[in-house]
Structure formats: C-alpha cells, structure tokens
Amino acid sequence: MTEVPQIHVELLGIPRKRSGCDSVHIPAAKLGELLRLLGERFPQLEGECLQTGTLMRGYLSCLNGQEFTNDPARLLKAGDTVIILSSDVGG
C-alpha cells in the first residue's frame, strides 16, 4: 500500500483571510485532491476561492515556489509545498 504524501500548503492573500489560517498539512497525491480536501477543511473557501477541487478564476497555486499550475492531475510528492494565492497578491 502506498502512503499518501503530506503536502505543506501555504495560504496567502484572500485564501488566508477567508480561512483564518496561514498554513496547513494536507495528505494528497494530486493537486485536485489537495484542493478538494482543502475545501473540506475550510468550507469558507468554497465558492470564494475553490470550487470542488479546482481553483476559481483569479486564484493560483505555486508548487515549491517554482511552478504555477492549476492542473488537478499534477502529481505531488512528500516534501512539496503548494502556495495558494489570489492572482493580485503583492501588486
């Protein structure tokens, strides 16, 4: 049986404000699964930032500070960090 990796998730901007949390660990092997579980843990993000395992328009995910991706099939591995942010953050 394969162990599901724990992914470190950092929330910035509106996702942080809505969730009231700056970071969390989520067990997920794919980005879509991570986003679905994030929405379950923080239901206040659903309809605002997330929609059933996908990011809504105006929101981005950044993998390990190097790759912006919203591909729900993107594989994740232990030690990965996914940053969820609004596209206007910092600007």
PDB file of N, CA and C in Angstrom:
ATOM      1  N   MET A   1       0.838  -1.183   0.000  1.00  0.00           N
ATOM      2  CA  MET A   1       0.000   0.000   0.000  1.00  0.00           C
ATOM      3  C   MET A   1       0.885   1.249   0.000  1.00  0.00           C
ATOM      4  N   THR A   2       0.608   2.173  -0.876  1.00  0.00           N
ATOM      5  CA  THR A   2       1.383   3.396  -0.988  1.00  0.00           C
ATOM      6  C   THR A   2       0.886   4.429   0.011  1.00  0.00           C
ATOM      7  N   GLU A   3       1.831   5.036   0.709  1.00  0.00           N
ATOM      8  CA  GLU A   3       1.476   6.075   1.675  1.00  0.00           C
ATOM      9  C   GLU A   3       1.216   7.388   0.943  1.00  0.00           C
ATOM     10  N   VAL A   4       0.144   8.068   1.313  1.00  0.00           N
ATOM     11  CA  VAL A   4      -0.206   9.349   0.700  1.00  0.00           C
ATOM     12  C   VAL A   4       0.696  10.420   1.309  1.00  0.00           C
ATOM     13  N   PRO A   5       1.378  11.204   0.459  1.00  0.00           N
ATOM     14  CA  PRO A   5       2.294  12.216   0.990  1.00  0.00           C
ATOM     15  C   PRO A   5       1.566  13.358   1.698  1.00  0.00           C
ATOM     16  N   GLN A   6       2.195  13.876   2.730  1.00  0.00           N
ATOM     17  CA  GLN A   6       1.704  15.069   3.419  1.00  0.00           C
ATOM     18  C   GLN A   6       2.276  16.280   2.684  1.00  0.00           C
ATOM     19  N   ILE A   7       1.406  17.149   2.232  1.00  0.00           N
ATOM     20  CA  ILE A   7       1.814  18.325   1.473  1.00  0.00           C
ATOM     21  C   ILE A   7       1.629  19.559   2.352  1.00  0.00           C
ATOM     22  N   HIS A   8       2.665  20.384   2.407  1.00  0.00           N
ATOM     23  CA  HIS A   8       2.590  21.643   3.149  1.00  0.00           C
ATOM     24  C   HIS A   8       1.895  22.663   2.250  1.00  0.00           C
ATOM     25  N   VAL A   9       0.820  23.254   2.742  1.00  0.00           N
ATOM     26  CA  VAL A   9       0.046  24.237   1.979  1.00  0.00           C
ATOM     27  C   VAL A   9       0.148  25.578   2.693  1.00  0.00           C
ATOM     28  N   GLU A  10       0.580  26.596   1.956  1.00  0.00           N
ATOM     29  CA  GLU A  10       0.615  27.956   2.483  1.00  0.00           C
ATOM     30  C   GLU A  10      -0.493  28.752   1.811  1.00  0.00           C
ATOM     31  N   LEU A  11      -1.222  29.510   2.601  1.00  0.00           N
ATOM     32  CA  LEU A  11      -2.324  30.325   2.093  1.00  0.00           C
ATOM     33  C   LEU A  11      -1.925  31.792   2.188  1.00  0.00           C
ATOM     34  N   LEU A  12      -2.063  32.511   1.082  1.00  0.00           N
ATOM     35  CA  LEU A  12      -1.710  33.928   1.035  1.00  0.00           C
ATOM     36  C   LEU A  12      -2.904  34.753   0.576  1.00  0.00           C
ATOM     37  N   GLY A  13      -2.917  36.022   0.938  1.00  0.00           N
ATOM     38  CA  GLY A  13      -3.953  36.938   0.464  1.00  0.00           C
ATOM     39  C   GLY A  13      -5.345  36.541   0.925  1.00  0.00           C
ATOM     40  N   ILE A  14      -6.283  36.569  -0.009  1.00  0.00           N
ATOM     41  CA  ILE A  14      -7.682  36.266   0.311  1.00  0.00           C
ATOM     42  C   ILE A  14      -7.858  34.851   0.878  1.00  0.00           C
ATOM     43  N   PRO A  15      -7.205  33.813   0.322  1.00  0.00           N
ATOM     44  CA  PRO A  15      -7.365  32.483   0.929  1.00  0.00           C
ATOM     45  C   PRO A  15      -6.973  32.458   2.413  1.00  0.00           C
ATOM     46  N   ARG A  16      -5.917  33.171   2.766  1.00  0.00           N
ATOM     47  CA  ARG A  16      -5.509  33.238   4.178  1.00  0.00           C
ATOM     48  C   ARG A  16      -6.562  33.971   5.007  1.00  0.00           C
ATOM     49  N   LYS A  17      -7.031  35.082   4.475  1.00  0.00           N
ATOM     50  CA  LYS A  17      -8.024  35.879   5.204  1.00  0.00           C
ATOM     51  C   LYS A  17      -9.315  35.089   5.417  1.00  0.00           C
ATOM     52  N   ARG A  18      -9.796  34.418   4.375  1.00  0.00           N
ATOM     53  CA  ARG A  18     -11.056  33.667   4.473  1.00  0.00           C
ATOM     54  C   ARG A  18     -10.937  32.453   5.395  1.00  0.00           C
ATOM     55  N   SER A  19      -9.797  31.760   5.322  1.00  0.00           N
ATOM     56  CA  SER A  19      -9.624  30.546   6.125  1.00  0.00           C
ATOM     57  C   SER A  19      -9.228  30.852   7.565  1.00  0.00           C
ATOM     58  N   GLY A  20      -8.599  32.007   7.780  1.00  0.00           N
ATOM     59  CA  GLY A  20      -8.082  32.326   9.105  1.00  0.00           C
ATOM     60  C   GLY A  20      -6.843  31.524   9.458  1.00  0.00           C
ATOM     61  N   CYS A  21      -6.194  30.978   8.433  1.00  0.00           N
ATOM     62  CA  CYS A  21      -5.046  30.095   8.641  1.00  0.00           C
ATOM     63  C   CYS A  21      -3.946  30.466   7.646  1.00  0.00           C
ATOM     64  N   ASP A  22      -2.680  30.405   8.081  1.00  0.00           N
ATOM     65  CA  ASP A  22      -1.602  30.720   7.148  1.00  0.00           C
ATOM     66  C   ASP A  22      -0.978  29.482   6.509  1.00  0.00           C
ATOM     67  N   SER A  23      -1.049  28.335   7.180  1.00  0.00           N
ATOM     68  CA  SER A  23      -0.523  27.109   6.578  1.00  0.00           C
ATOM     69  C   SER A  23      -1.161  25.884   7.226  1.00  0.00           C
ATOM     70  N   VAL A  24      -1.115  24.784   6.484  1.00  0.00           N
ATOM     71  CA  VAL A  24      -1.734  23.536   6.926  1.00  0.00           C
ATOM     72  C   VAL A  24      -1.059  22.394   6.170  1.00  0.00           C
ATOM     73  N   HIS A  25      -1.112  21.190   6.710  1.00  0.00           N
ATOM     74  CA  HIS A  25      -0.632  19.997   6.008  1.00  0.00           C
ATOM     75  C   HIS A  25      -1.848  19.195   5.558  1.00  0.00           C
ATOM     76  N   ILE A  26      -1.830  18.784   4.291  1.00  0.00           N
ATOM     77  CA  ILE A  26      -2.937  18.034   3.691  1.00  0.00           C
ATOM     78  C   ILE A  26      -2.356  16.768   3.055  1.00  0.00           C
ATOM     79  N   PRO A  27      -2.927  15.584   3.330  1.00  0.00           N
ATOM     80  CA  PRO A  27      -2.467  14.365   2.673  1.00  0.00           C
ATOM     81  C   PRO A  27      -3.087  14.252   1.280  1.00  0.00           C
ATOM     82  N   ALA A  28      -2.260  14.352   0.250  1.00  0.00           N
ATOM     83  CA  ALA A  28      -2.791  14.293  -1.119  1.00  0.00           C
ATOM     84  C   ALA A  28      -1.695  13.901  -2.099  1.00  0.00           C
ATOM     85  N   ALA A  29      -2.060  13.111  -3.105  1.00  0.00           N
ATOM     86  CA  ALA A  29      -1.123  12.690  -4.133  1.00  0.00           C
ATOM     87  C   ALA A  29      -1.232  13.531  -5.401  1.00  0.00           C
ATOM     88  N   LYS A  30      -2.361  14.259  -5.553  1.00  0.00           N
ATOM     89  CA  LYS A  30      -2.577  15.102  -6.735  1.00  0.00           C
ATOM     90  C   LYS A  30      -3.123  16.455  -6.299  1.00  0.00           C
ATOM     91  N   LEU A  31      -2.874  17.465  -7.117  1.00  0.00           N
ATOM     92  CA  LEU A  31      -3.307  18.817  -6.789  1.00  0.00           C
ATOM     93  C   LEU A  31      -4.823  18.903  -6.625  1.00  0.00           C
ATOM     94  N   GLY A  32      -5.588  18.270  -7.502  1.00  0.00           N
ATOM     95  CA  GLY A  32      -7.045  18.317  -7.400  1.00  0.00           C
ATOM     96  C   GLY A  32      -7.549  17.738  -6.092  1.00  0.00           C
ATOM     97  N   GLU A  33      -6.930  16.647  -5.659  1.00  0.00           N
ATOM     98  CA  GLU A  33      -7.290  16.023  -4.383  1.00  0.00           C
ATOM     99  C   GLU A  33      -6.962  16.973  -3.228  1.00  0.00           C
ATOM    100  N   LEU A  34      -5.803  17.605  -3.302  1.00  0.00           N
ATOM    101  CA  LEU A  34      -5.410  18.564  -2.274  1.00  0.00           C
ATOM    102  C   LEU A  34      -6.415  19.708  -2.185  1.00  0.00           C
ATOM    103  N   LEU A  35      -6.820  20.250  -3.324  1.00  0.00           N
ATOM    104  CA  LEU A  35      -7.765  21.369  -3.333  1.00  0.00           C
ATOM    105  C   LEU A  35      -9.137  20.946  -2.803  1.00  0.00           C
ATOM    106  N   ARG A  36      -9.557  19.729  -3.131  1.00  0.00           N
ATOM    107  CA  ARG A  36     -10.837  19.218  -2.618  1.00  0.00           C
ATOM    108  C   ARG A  36     -10.796  19.087  -1.100  1.00  0.00           C
ATOM    109  N   LEU A  37      -9.714  18.510  -0.586  1.00  0.00           N
ATOM    110  CA  LEU A  37      -9.569  18.337   0.860  1.00  0.00           C
ATOM    111  C   LEU A  37      -9.411  19.681   1.573  1.00  0.00           C
ATOM    112  N   LEU A  38      -8.737  20.620   0.923  1.00  0.00           N
ATOM    113  CA  LEU A  38      -8.601  21.964   1.490  1.00  0.00           C
ATOM    114  C   LEU A  38      -9.975  22.616   1.632  1.00  0.00           C
ATOM    115  N   GLY A  39     -10.824  22.437   0.619  1.00  0.00           N
ATOM    116  CA  GLY A  39     -12.187  22.961   0.674  1.00  0.00           C
ATOM    117  C   GLY A  39     -13.023  22.306   1.757  1.00  0.00           C
ATOM    118  N   GLU A  40     -12.781  21.018   2.011  1.00  0.00           N
ATOM    119  CA  GLU A  40     -13.492  20.328   3.093  1.00  0.00           C
ATOM    120  C   GLU A  40     -13.036  20.839   4.459  1.00  0.00           C
ATOM    121  N   ARG A  41     -11.740  21.065   4.583  1.00  0.00           N
ATOM    122  CA  ARG A  41     -11.208  21.548   5.860  1.00  0.00           C
ATOM    123  C   ARG A  41     -11.612  22.993   6.131  1.00  0.00           C
ATOM    124  N   PHE A  42     -11.665  23.801   5.063  1.00  0.00           N
ATOM    125  CA  PHE A  42     -12.034  25.213   5.183  1.00  0.00           C
ATOM    126  C   PHE A  42     -13.203  25.499   4.246  1.00  0.00           C
ATOM    127  N   PRO A  43     -14.424  25.130   4.646  1.00  0.00           N
ATOM    128  CA  PRO A  43     -15.580  25.305   3.758  1.00  0.00           C
ATOM    129  C   PRO A  43     -15.821  26.756   3.357  1.00  0.00           C
ATOM    130  N   GLN A  44     -15.300  27.701   4.123  1.00  0.00           N
ATOM    131  CA  GLN A  44     -15.457  29.107   3.775  1.00  0.00           C
ATOM    132  C   GLN A  44     -14.682  29.472   2.502  1.00  0.00           C
ATOM    133  N   LEU A  45     -13.778  28.603   2.047  1.00  0.00           N
ATOM    134  CA  LEU A  45     -13.059  28.843   0.792  1.00  0.00           C
ATOM    135  C   LEU A  45     -13.883  28.426  -0.428  1.00  0.00           C
ATOM    136  N   GLU A  46     -14.818  27.481  -0.225  1.00  0.00           N
ATOM    137  CA  GLU A  46     -15.665  27.011  -1.330  1.00  0.00           C
ATOM    138  C   GLU A  46     -16.556  28.146  -1.831  1.00  0.00           C
ATOM    139  N   GLY A  47     -16.577  28.309  -3.129  1.00  0.00           N
ATOM    140  CA  GLY A  47     -17.395  29.346  -3.744  1.00  0.00           C
ATOM    141  C   GLY A  47     -16.726  30.706  -3.768  1.00  0.00           C
ATOM    142  N   GLU A  48     -15.654  30.848  -3.005  1.00  0.00           N
ATOM    143  CA  GLU A  48     -14.893  32.104  -2.974  1.00  0.00           C
ATOM    144  C   GLU A  48     -13.560  31.929  -3.702  1.00  0.00           C
ATOM    145  N   CYS A  49     -12.822  30.896  -3.306  1.00  0.00           N
ATOM    146  CA  CYS A  49     -11.501  30.620  -3.867  1.00  0.00           C
ATOM    147  C   CYS A  49     -11.453  29.270  -4.586  1.00  0.00           C
ATOM    148  N   LEU A  50     -12.236  28.330  -4.082  1.00  0.00           N
ATOM    149  CA  LEU A  50     -12.241  26.959  -4.593  1.00  0.00           C
ATOM    150  C   LEU A  50     -13.630  26.567  -5.063  1.00  0.00           C
ATOM    151  N   GLN A  51     -13.632  25.611  -5.995  1.00  0.00           N
ATOM    152  CA  GLN A  51     -14.899  25.027  -6.423  1.00  0.00           C
ATOM    153  C   GLN A  51     -14.675  23.545  -6.669  1.00  0.00           C
ATOM    154  N   THR A  52     -14.986  22.736  -5.664  1.00  0.00           N
ATOM    155  CA  THR A  52     -14.904  21.277  -5.716  1.00  0.00           C
ATOM    156  C   THR A  52     -13.628  20.766  -6.385  1.00  0.00           C
ATOM    157  N   GLY A  53     -12.499  21.038  -5.768  1.00  0.00           N
ATOM    158  CA  GLY A  53     -11.232  20.502  -6.252  1.00  0.00           C
ATOM    159  C   GLY A  53     -10.539  21.309  -7.322  1.00  0.00           C
ATOM    160  N   THR A  54     -11.025  22.493  -7.609  1.00  0.00           N
ATOM    161  CA  THR A  54     -10.343  23.376  -8.560  1.00  0.00           C
ATOM    162  C   THR A  54     -10.282  24.787  -7.981  1.00  0.00           C
ATOM    163  N   LEU A  55      -9.322  25.539  -8.468  1.00  0.00           N
ATOM    164  CA  LEU A  55      -9.224  26.940  -8.074  1.00  0.00           C
ATOM    165  C   LEU A  55     -10.134  27.767  -8.958  1.00  0.00           C
ATOM    166  N   MET A  56     -10.804  28.715  -8.361  1.00  0.00           N
ATOM    167  CA  MET A  56     -11.672  29.601  -9.131  1.00  0.00           C
ATOM    168  C   MET A  56     -10.811  30.639  -9.855  1.00  0.00           C
ATOM    169  N   ARG A  57     -11.404  31.265 -10.844  1.00  0.00           N
ATOM    170  CA  ARG A  57     -10.713  32.303 -11.606  1.00  0.00           C
ATOM    171  C   ARG A  57     -10.188  33.373 -10.644  1.00  0.00           C
ATOM    172  N   GLY A  58      -8.961  33.810 -10.873  1.00  0.00           N
ATOM    173  CA  GLY A  58      -8.346  34.820 -10.026  1.00  0.00           C
ATOM    174  C   GLY A  58      -7.482  34.248  -8.911  1.00  0.00           C
ATOM    175  N   TYR A  59      -7.366  32.902  -8.864  1.00  0.00           N
ATOM    176  CA  TYR A  59      -6.553  32.252  -7.841  1.00  0.00           C
ATOM    177  C   TYR A  59      -5.533  31.340  -8.508  1.00  0.00           C
ATOM    178  N   LEU A  60      -4.372  31.227  -7.875  1.00  0.00           N
ATOM    179  CA  LEU A  60      -3.262  30.462  -8.427  1.00  0.00           C
ATOM    180  C   LEU A  60      -2.717  29.500  -7.385  1.00  0.00           C
ATOM    181  N   SER A  61      -2.063  28.454  -7.869  1.00  0.00           N
ATOM    182  CA  SER A  61      -1.277  27.602  -6.984  1.00  0.00           C
ATOM    183  C   SER A  61       0.144  27.572  -7.521  1.00  0.00           C
ATOM    184  N   CYS A  62       1.088  27.612  -6.620  1.00  0.00           N
ATOM    185  CA  CYS A  62       2.501  27.592  -6.984  1.00  0.00           C
ATOM    186  C   CYS A  62       3.145  26.420  -6.257  1.00  0.00           C
ATOM    187  N   LEU A  63       3.767  25.536  -7.019  1.00  0.00           N
ATOM    188  CA  LEU A  63       4.389  24.340  -6.470  1.00  0.00           C
ATOM    189  C   LEU A  63       5.866  24.603  -6.191  1.00  0.00           C
ATOM    190  N   ASN A  64       6.236  24.490  -4.938  1.00  0.00           N
ATOM    191  CA  ASN A  64       7.624  24.648  -4.495  1.00  0.00           C
ATOM    192  C   ASN A  64       8.250  25.982  -4.893  1.00  0.00           C
ATOM    193  N   GLY A  65       7.430  27.003  -5.038  1.00  0.00           N
ATOM    194  CA  GLY A  65       7.931  28.330  -5.374  1.00  0.00           C
ATOM    195  C   GLY A  65       8.512  28.441  -6.768  1.00  0.00           C
ATOM    196  N   GLN A  66       8.262  27.427  -7.634  1.00  0.00           N
ATOM    197  CA  GLN A  66       8.885  27.397  -8.954  1.00  0.00           C
ATOM    198  C   GLN A  66       7.910  27.229 -10.107  1.00  0.00           C
ATOM    199  N   GLU A  67       6.793  26.592  -9.875  1.00  0.00           N
ATOM    200  CA  GLU A  67       5.888  26.232 -10.972  1.00  0.00           C
ATOM    201  C   GLU A  67       4.454  26.621 -10.635  1.00  0.00           C
ATOM    202  N   PHE A  68       3.882  27.505 -11.447  1.00  0.00           N
ATOM    203  CA  PHE A  68       2.469  27.828 -11.305  1.00  0.00           C
ATOM    204  C   PHE A  68       1.680  26.798 -12.091  1.00  0.00           C
ATOM    205  N   THR A  69       0.742  26.137 -11.425  1.00  0.00           N
ATOM    206  CA  THR A  69      -0.080  25.129 -12.086  1.00  0.00           C
ATOM    207  C   THR A  69      -1.459  25.070 -11.444  1.00  0.00           C
ATOM    208  N   ASN A  70      -2.453  24.863 -12.265  1.00  0.00           N
ATOM    209  CA  ASN A  70      -3.808  24.613 -11.780  1.00  0.00           C
ATOM    210  C   ASN A  70      -4.304  23.266 -12.294  1.00  0.00           C
ATOM    211  N   ASP A  71      -3.371  22.427 -12.757  1.00  0.00           N
ATOM    212  CA  ASP A  71      -3.698  21.113 -13.300  1.00  0.00           C
ATOM    213  C   ASP A  71      -4.073  20.162 -12.162  1.00  0.00           C
ATOM    214  N   PRO A  72      -5.349  19.752 -12.071  1.00  0.00           N
ATOM    215  CA  PRO A  72      -5.766  18.880 -10.969  1.00  0.00           C
ATOM    216  C   PRO A  72      -5.066  17.522 -10.982  1.00  0.00           C
ATOM    217  N   ALA A  73      -4.522  17.101 -12.118  1.00  0.00           N
ATOM    218  CA  ALA A  73      -3.837  15.816 -12.214  1.00  0.00           C
ATOM    219  C   ALA A  73      -2.351  15.919 -11.854  1.00  0.00           C
ATOM    220  N   ARG A  74      -1.874  17.111 -11.542  1.00  0.00           N
ATOM    221  CA  ARG A  74      -0.454  17.316 -11.206  1.00  0.00           C
ATOM    222  C   ARG A  74      -0.108  16.488  -9.980  1.00  0.00           C
ATOM    223  N   LEU A  75       0.878  15.601 -10.140  1.00  0.00           N
ATOM    224  CA  LEU A  75       1.292  14.731  -9.039  1.00  0.00           C
ATOM    225  C   LEU A  75       2.077  15.515  -7.999  1.00  0.00           C
ATOM    226  N   LEU A  76       1.869  15.151  -6.747  1.00  0.00           N
ATOM    227  CA  LEU A  76       2.573  15.766  -5.630  1.00  0.00           C
ATOM    228  C   LEU A  76       3.366  14.692  -4.905  1.00  0.00           C
ATOM    229  N   LYS A  77       4.440  15.114  -4.245  1.00  0.00           N
ATOM    230  CA  LYS A  77       5.254  14.154  -3.501  1.00  0.00           C
ATOM    231  C   LYS A  77       5.581  14.707  -2.119  1.00  0.00           C
ATOM    232  N   ALA A  78       5.970  13.826  -1.227  1.00  0.00           N
ATOM    233  CA  ALA A  78       6.328  14.231   0.132  1.00  0.00           C
ATOM    234  C   ALA A  78       7.380  15.330   0.068  1.00  0.00           C
ATOM    235  N   GLY A  79       7.199  16.346   0.888  1.00  0.00           N
ATOM    236  CA  GLY A  79       8.135  17.462   0.916  1.00  0.00           C
ATOM    237  C   GLY A  79       7.731  18.628   0.045  1.00  0.00           C
ATOM    238  N   ASP A  80       6.727  18.437  -0.817  1.00  0.00           N
ATOM    239  CA  ASP A  80       6.256  19.537  -1.667  1.00  0.00           C
ATOM    240  C   ASP A  80       5.544  20.590  -0.830  1.00  0.00           C
ATOM    241  N   THR A  81       5.643  21.830  -1.296  1.00  0.00           N
ATOM    242  CA  THR A  81       4.890  22.944  -0.731  1.00  0.00           C
ATOM    243  C   THR A  81       4.040  23.534  -1.838  1.00  0.00           C
ATOM    244  N   VAL A  82       2.759  23.693  -1.573  1.00  0.00           N
ATOM    245  CA  VAL A  82       1.842  24.324  -2.518  1.00  0.00           C
ATOM    246  C   VAL A  82       1.375  25.632  -1.889  1.00  0.00           C
ATOM    247  N   ILE A  83       1.576  26.720  -2.609  1.00  0.00           N
ATOM    248  CA  ILE A  83       1.133  28.036  -2.157  1.00  0.00           C
ATOM    249  C   ILE A  83      -0.143  28.377  -2.915  1.00  0.00           C
ATOM    250  N   ILE A  84      -1.186  28.734  -2.184  1.00  0.00           N
ATOM    251  CA  ILE A  84      -2.460  29.143  -2.779  1.00  0.00           C
ATOM    252  C   ILE A  84      -2.586  30.645  -2.563  1.00  0.00           C
ATOM    253  N   LEU A  85      -2.783  31.390  -3.655  1.00  0.00           N
ATOM    254  CA  LEU A  85      -2.834  32.839  -3.552  1.00  0.00           C
ATOM    255  C   LEU A  85      -3.790  33.433  -4.563  1.00  0.00           C
ATOM    256  N   SER A  86      -4.228  34.630  -4.273  1.00  0.00           N
ATOM    257  CA  SER A  86      -5.033  35.363  -5.246  1.00  0.00           C
ATOM    258  C   SER A  86      -4.067  35.975  -6.255  1.00  0.00           C
ATOM    259  N   SER A  87      -4.479  36.054  -7.514  1.00  0.00           N
ATOM    260  CA  SER A  87      -3.567  36.493  -8.572  1.00  0.00           C
ATOM    261  C   SER A  87      -3.147  37.945  -8.429  1.00  0.00           C
ATOM    262  N   ASP A  88      -3.830  38.720  -7.598  1.00  0.00           N
ATOM    263  CA  ASP A  88      -3.458  40.120  -7.416  1.00  0.00           C
ATOM    264  C   ASP A  88      -2.590  40.351  -6.185  1.00  0.00           C
ATOM    265  N   VAL A  89      -2.162  39.289  -5.496  1.00  0.00           N
ATOM    266  CA  VAL A  89      -1.366  39.453  -4.286  1.00  0.00           C
ATOM    267  C   VAL A  89      -0.041  40.142  -4.605  1.00  0.00           C
ATOM    268  N   GLY A  90       0.361  41.016  -3.756  1.00  0.00           N
ATOM    269  CA  GLY A  90       1.645  41.694  -3.899  1.00  0.00           C
ATOM    270  C   GLY A  90       1.649  42.818  -4.894  1.00  0.00           C
ATOM    271  N   GLY A  91       0.508  43.118  -5.482  1.00  0.00           N
ATOM    272  CA  GLY A  91       0.579  44.063  -6.552  1.00  0.00           C
ATOM    273  C   GLY A  91      -0.178  45.294  -6.416  1.00  0.00           C
TER     274      GLY A  91
END
